[in-house]
Amino acid sequence: MSTRLVIAALVSAALLSSCSSQTPSDVRPEVSRPLNEAVLLSSQMGNKAGIMAKLNQAASVPNLNKDEQDKIRKIKSFVVSQEWNRAGGPAANDISTAVGGWPDIH
């Protein structure tokens, strides 16, 4: 379990640092805070509702700029891949059971 937390922390640091090369004002705190919380929640099993709530909170901030939209997309991709790749996730099960999983993020 602690290995999973370390990996999640490293991946989230890499994702967040990819945005740090931009000026700090490109991603507002009201967008980045819930996204960071979603990444932390993704290391816990069975908290899809909490993760989706945080992603929706970030996406509901008015007047999102391109950098904020890109960061939301990256974090969604990350947390969805976390769910699909964990033991017991849809990727570990028969393809027919994956239909009721995460919503389409395209």
Protein backbone atom coordinates (compact mmCIF):
# COMPACT_ATOMS: atom_id res chain seq x y z
CA MET A 1 0.00 0.00 0.00
CA SER A 2 2.79 2.45 0.83
CA THR A 3 4.43 1.69 -2.52
CA ARG A 4 1.19 2.68 -4.22
CA LEU A 5 1.15 5.98 -2.32
CA VAL A 6 4.76 6.71 -3.26
CA ILE A 7 4.04 5.98 -6.92
CA ALA A 8 0.91 8.15 -6.83
CA ALA A 9 2.89 10.97 -5.22
CA LEU A 10 5.65 10.72 -7.82
CA VAL A 11 3.23 10.65 -10.74
CA SER A 12 1.21 13.54 -9.34
CA ALA A 13 4.42 15.52 -8.81
CA ALA A 14 5.37 14.85 -12.43
CA LEU A 15 1.94 15.94 -13.65
CA LEU A 16 1.96 19.05 -11.53
CA SER A 17 5.52 19.96 -12.49
CA SER A 18 4.54 19.79 -16.15
CA CYS A 19 2.38 22.81 -15.45
CA SER A 20 4.96 24.55 -13.28
CA SER A 21 7.00 25.65 -16.29
CA GLN A 22 4.16 28.03 -17.05
CA THR A 23 3.59 31.21 -15.15
CA PRO A 24 1.88 30.58 -11.80
CA SER A 25 -1.19 32.57 -12.82
CA ASP A 26 -1.99 30.15 -15.70
CA VAL A 27 -3.77 27.71 -13.36
CA ARG A 28 -5.77 29.29 -10.59
CA PRO A 29 -5.80 27.78 -7.08
CA GLU A 30 -9.55 27.13 -7.25
CA VAL A 31 -8.79 24.77 -10.17
CA SER A 32 -5.52 23.23 -8.98
CA ARG A 33 -6.62 22.49 -5.38
CA PRO A 34 -9.45 20.09 -6.25
CA LEU A 35 -7.29 18.47 -8.94
CA ASN A 36 -4.51 17.81 -6.43
CA GLU A 37 -7.08 16.34 -4.05
CA ALA A 38 -8.42 14.11 -6.84
CA VAL A 39 -4.92 12.74 -7.43
CA LEU A 40 -4.52 12.01 -3.73
CA LEU A 41 -7.92 10.31 -3.60
CA SER A 42 -7.02 8.18 -6.63
CA SER A 43 -4.52 6.27 -4.50
CA GLN A 44 -7.42 4.97 -2.40
CA MET A 45 -9.57 2.15 -3.70
CA GLY A 46 -13.31 2.59 -4.00
CA ASN A 47 -13.54 6.37 -3.88
CA LYS A 48 -14.74 7.06 -7.43
CA ALA A 49 -17.50 9.37 -6.21
CA GLY A 50 -15.06 11.55 -4.27
CA ILE A 51 -12.63 11.70 -7.18
CA MET A 52 -15.37 12.63 -9.64
CA ALA A 53 -16.66 15.29 -7.25
CA LYS A 54 -13.21 16.90 -7.13
CA LEU A 55 -12.82 16.73 -10.92
CA ASN A 56 -16.27 18.27 -11.37
CA GLN A 57 -15.44 20.97 -8.83
CA ALA A 58 -12.36 21.96 -10.84
CA ALA A 59 -14.24 21.83 -14.15
CA SER A 60 -17.08 23.98 -12.80
CA VAL A 61 -14.84 27.01 -12.14
CA PRO A 62 -16.05 29.74 -14.49
CA ASN A 63 -13.95 30.99 -17.42
CA LEU A 64 -11.39 28.17 -17.55
CA ASN A 65 -8.38 29.08 -19.67
CA LYS A 66 -6.59 26.66 -22.00
CA ASP A 67 -3.95 25.73 -19.41
CA GLU A 68 -6.63 24.92 -16.83
CA GLN A 69 -8.60 22.83 -19.33
CA ASP A 70 -5.42 20.95 -20.30
CA LYS A 71 -4.56 20.27 -16.66
CA ILE A 72 -8.09 18.98 -15.95
CA ARG A 73 -7.80 16.63 -18.97
CA LYS A 74 -4.39 15.35 -17.82
CA ILE A 75 -5.57 14.68 -14.28
CA LYS A 76 -8.74 12.94 -15.53
CA SER A 77 -6.61 10.71 -17.75
CA PHE A 78 -4.32 9.94 -14.84
CA VAL A 79 -7.03 9.00 -12.34
CA VAL A 80 -8.94 6.97 -14.92
CA SER A 81 -5.78 5.03 -15.78
CA GLN A 82 -5.18 4.47 -12.06
CA GLU A 83 -8.62 2.89 -11.74
CA TRP A 84 -8.30 0.78 -14.89
CA ASN A 85 -4.84 -0.52 -14.00
CA ARG A 86 -5.40 -1.46 -10.37
CA ALA A 87 -6.12 -5.03 -9.36
CA GLY A 88 -9.83 -5.67 -9.70
CA GLY A 89 -10.26 -2.67 -12.01
CA PRO A 90 -11.97 -2.98 -15.39
CA ALA A 91 -8.68 -3.79 -17.19
CA ALA A 92 -8.22 -6.78 -14.90
CA ASN A 93 -11.74 -8.08 -15.59
CA ASP A 94 -13.56 -9.31 -18.64
CA ILE A 95 -14.15 -6.53 -21.19
CA SER A 96 -17.91 -6.96 -20.86
CA THR A 97 -17.77 -5.90 -17.20
CA ALA A 98 -15.96 -2.64 -17.98
CA VAL A 99 -19.04 -1.00 -19.49
CA GLY A 100 -20.40 0.39 -16.21
CA GLY A 101 -17.08 1.94 -15.09
CA TRP A 102 -15.77 5.47 -15.44
CA PRO A 103 -17.65 7.92 -17.67
CA ASP A 104 -16.25 8.79 -21.08
CA ILE A 105 -13.98 11.84 -20.73
CA HIS A 106 -13.63 12.80 -24.40
